[in-house]
Amino acid sequence: MKTGNALAAIVVLLAAGLTSSHPVYADEVKVLAARVLKPVLTEIAPEYERSTGHTVDISYEPAGAVTERIDRGESADVAIVQMPSLVALGVRGKIDPPTVRPIARSGVSVGILKGEMKPDISSVDAFTRALLGARSIA
C-alpha cells in the first residue's frame, strides 16, 4: 500500500467513525476539513460512499476557518485540522476530547536555489528576517 493510500485508509476509517467510541449512523457524513486535505479526501470519498452507502459532504477551508466554524457551534461528524486546534476546541467544550486522533504529521521545509547563500533560520526572529528579506517565496 502506498503511503498516500495508507493515509487515505486512515481518513476513511476516521470518517466512518470506526476509530471513535461514537459510531456514525447517518446516511450522510458531514466533514469539515482543512483545505490541504482536499486531494486525498477527494480521491477517497467516492470509494467510501460506494463501500458504505453513506454520502460524504466535505467542506474545505483554511484550518483556521474550520476551527472558527466549530467554535461558533456548527456541527459535523468529523473535523480534520491541526492537533492544537482540536485540543483547544476540546478545552472549550466544542468537541469530545477522547475522540481526537492524530492521522498525519506535517512538516515545513526551507530550500534554496543551488549556489545561493543559506539564510539564517536559527531562531524565530532570524527566520522572520530571512522571509522578509527574500526576493521571492514559493
Protein backbone atom coordinates (compact mmCIF):
# COMPACT_ATOMS: atom_id res chain seq x y z
CA MET A 1 0.00 0.00 0.00
CA LYS A 2 1.39 3.40 -0.96
CA THR A 3 1.95 5.98 1.80
CA GLY A 4 -0.79 8.18 0.35
CA ASN A 5 -3.15 5.22 0.25
CA ALA A 6 -2.35 4.41 3.89
CA LEU A 7 -3.26 7.95 4.91
CA ALA A 8 -6.38 7.68 2.80
CA ALA A 9 -7.38 4.47 4.57
CA ILE A 10 -6.88 6.10 7.96
CA VAL A 11 -9.00 9.09 6.97
CA VAL A 12 -11.73 6.77 5.66
CA LEU A 13 -11.77 4.93 8.98
CA LEU A 14 -11.94 8.23 10.81
CA ALA A 15 -14.77 9.44 8.62
CA ALA A 16 -16.61 6.17 9.10
CA GLY A 17 -16.47 6.66 12.83
CA LEU A 18 -14.66 3.37 13.38
CA THR A 19 -11.87 4.95 15.43
CA SER A 20 -14.20 6.67 17.85
CA SER A 21 -16.49 5.43 20.57
CA HIS A 22 -19.36 7.19 18.76
CA PRO A 23 -20.15 5.29 15.54
CA VAL A 24 -21.69 7.19 12.65
CA TYR A 25 -25.20 6.03 11.79
CA ALA A 26 -26.23 8.85 9.46
CA ASP A 27 -26.76 8.42 5.74
CA GLU A 28 -24.58 11.48 5.23
CA VAL A 29 -21.24 12.09 6.90
CA LYS A 30 -20.52 15.80 7.26
CA VAL A 31 -16.79 16.59 7.23
CA LEU A 32 -15.15 19.94 7.93
CA ALA A 33 -11.58 19.69 6.68
CA ALA A 34 -8.55 21.85 6.24
CA ARG A 35 -8.13 22.69 2.56
CA VAL A 36 -4.75 20.93 2.46
CA LEU A 37 -6.58 17.58 2.70
CA LYS A 38 -8.68 18.14 -0.42
CA PRO A 39 -6.53 15.98 -2.75
CA VAL A 40 -6.67 12.89 -0.54
CA LEU A 41 -10.29 13.27 0.57
CA THR A 42 -11.47 13.92 -2.99
CA GLU A 43 -9.78 10.68 -4.01
CA ILE A 44 -11.12 8.50 -1.20
CA ALA A 45 -14.63 9.86 -0.61
CA PRO A 46 -16.17 8.11 -3.65
CA GLU A 47 -14.78 4.74 -2.53
CA TYR A 48 -16.10 5.31 0.99
CA GLU A 49 -19.52 6.18 -0.45
CA ARG A 50 -19.54 3.05 -2.65
CA SER A 51 -18.46 0.72 0.14
CA THR A 52 -20.80 2.06 2.86
CA GLY A 53 -23.81 3.51 1.05
CA HIS A 54 -23.28 6.73 3.03
CA THR A 55 -22.67 10.02 1.27
CA VAL A 56 -19.91 12.39 2.27
CA ASP A 57 -20.43 16.14 2.41
CA ILE A 58 -16.99 17.74 2.73
CA SER A 59 -16.40 21.45 3.28
CA TYR A 60 -12.82 22.56 2.65
CA GLU A 61 -11.49 25.76 4.18
CA PRO A 62 -8.28 27.04 5.72
CA ALA A 63 -7.77 25.24 9.03
CA GLY A 64 -8.43 28.42 11.00
CA ALA A 65 -11.81 28.83 9.31
CA VAL A 66 -12.75 25.22 10.14
CA THR A 67 -11.85 25.86 13.78
CA GLU A 68 -13.91 29.07 13.80
CA ARG A 69 -16.96 27.31 12.33
CA ILE A 70 -16.86 24.70 15.08
CA ASP A 71 -16.22 27.38 17.70
CA ARG A 72 -19.38 29.17 16.51
CA GLY A 73 -21.36 25.99 17.11
CA GLU A 74 -21.51 24.40 13.67
CA SER A 75 -21.84 20.65 13.92
CA ALA A 76 -20.06 18.00 11.88
CA ASP A 77 -19.43 14.29 12.12
CA VAL A 78 -15.70 14.72 11.51
CA ALA A 79 -13.37 17.72 11.78
CA ILE A 80 -9.86 17.44 10.37
CA VAL A 81 -7.45 20.21 11.40
CA GLN A 82 -4.20 20.52 13.32
CA MET A 83 -3.98 18.84 16.71
CA PRO A 84 -3.54 22.11 18.70
CA SER A 85 -6.82 23.42 17.26
CA LEU A 86 -8.66 20.24 18.16
CA VAL A 87 -7.22 20.27 21.68
CA ALA A 88 -8.32 23.89 22.13
CA LEU A 89 -11.81 23.08 20.83
CA GLY A 90 -11.97 20.23 23.33
CA VAL A 91 -10.98 22.52 26.20
CA ARG A 92 -13.77 24.90 25.17
CA GLY A 93 -16.28 22.04 25.09
CA LYS A 94 -16.84 22.20 21.33
CA ILE A 95 -15.67 18.64 20.60
CA ASP A 96 -15.32 15.45 22.62
CA PRO A 97 -11.60 15.29 23.60
CA PRO A 98 -11.34 11.47 23.73
CA THR A 99 -12.31 11.29 20.04
CA VAL A 100 -9.29 13.31 18.88
CA ARG A 101 -6.83 11.11 16.99
CA PRO A 102 -3.72 12.04 15.00
CA ILE A 103 -3.95 10.85 11.40
CA ALA A 104 -0.91 12.50 9.84
CA ARG A 105 2.16 14.56 10.54
CA SER A 106 3.09 17.59 8.51
CA GLY A 107 6.45 19.22 8.18
CA VAL A 108 7.58 22.53 6.83
CA SER A 109 10.83 22.81 4.93
CA VAL A 110 13.08 25.52 3.64
CA GLY A 111 15.01 25.09 0.43
CA ILE A 112 17.18 27.49 -1.52
CA LEU A 113 18.45 27.52 -5.06
CA LYS A 114 21.81 25.89 -5.63
CA GLY A 115 24.57 28.44 -5.25
CA GLU A 116 22.53 30.88 -3.17
CA MET A 117 23.60 31.89 0.34
CA LYS A 118 21.92 29.88 3.10
CA PRO A 119 19.57 32.02 5.20
CA ASP A 120 19.86 32.19 8.97
CA ILE A 121 16.83 30.32 10.33
CA SER A 122 18.28 29.55 13.76
CA SER A 123 15.52 31.38 15.66
CA VAL A 124 12.02 32.71 15.06
CA ASP A 125 13.38 36.25 14.70
CA ALA A 126 16.09 35.15 12.28
CA PHE A 127 13.58 33.14 10.26
CA THR A 128 11.23 36.13 10.11
CA ARG A 129 14.07 38.36 8.87
CA ALA A 130 15.01 35.74 6.26
CA LEU A 131 11.44 35.61 4.95
CA LEU A 132 11.06 39.38 4.91
CA GLY A 133 14.38 39.78 3.12
CA ALA A 134 13.78 37.09 0.49
CA ARG A 135 13.44 38.13 -3.16
CA SER A 136 10.67 35.55 -3.60
CA ILE A 137 8.92 32.86 -1.61
CA ALA A 138 7.12 29.84 -3.05
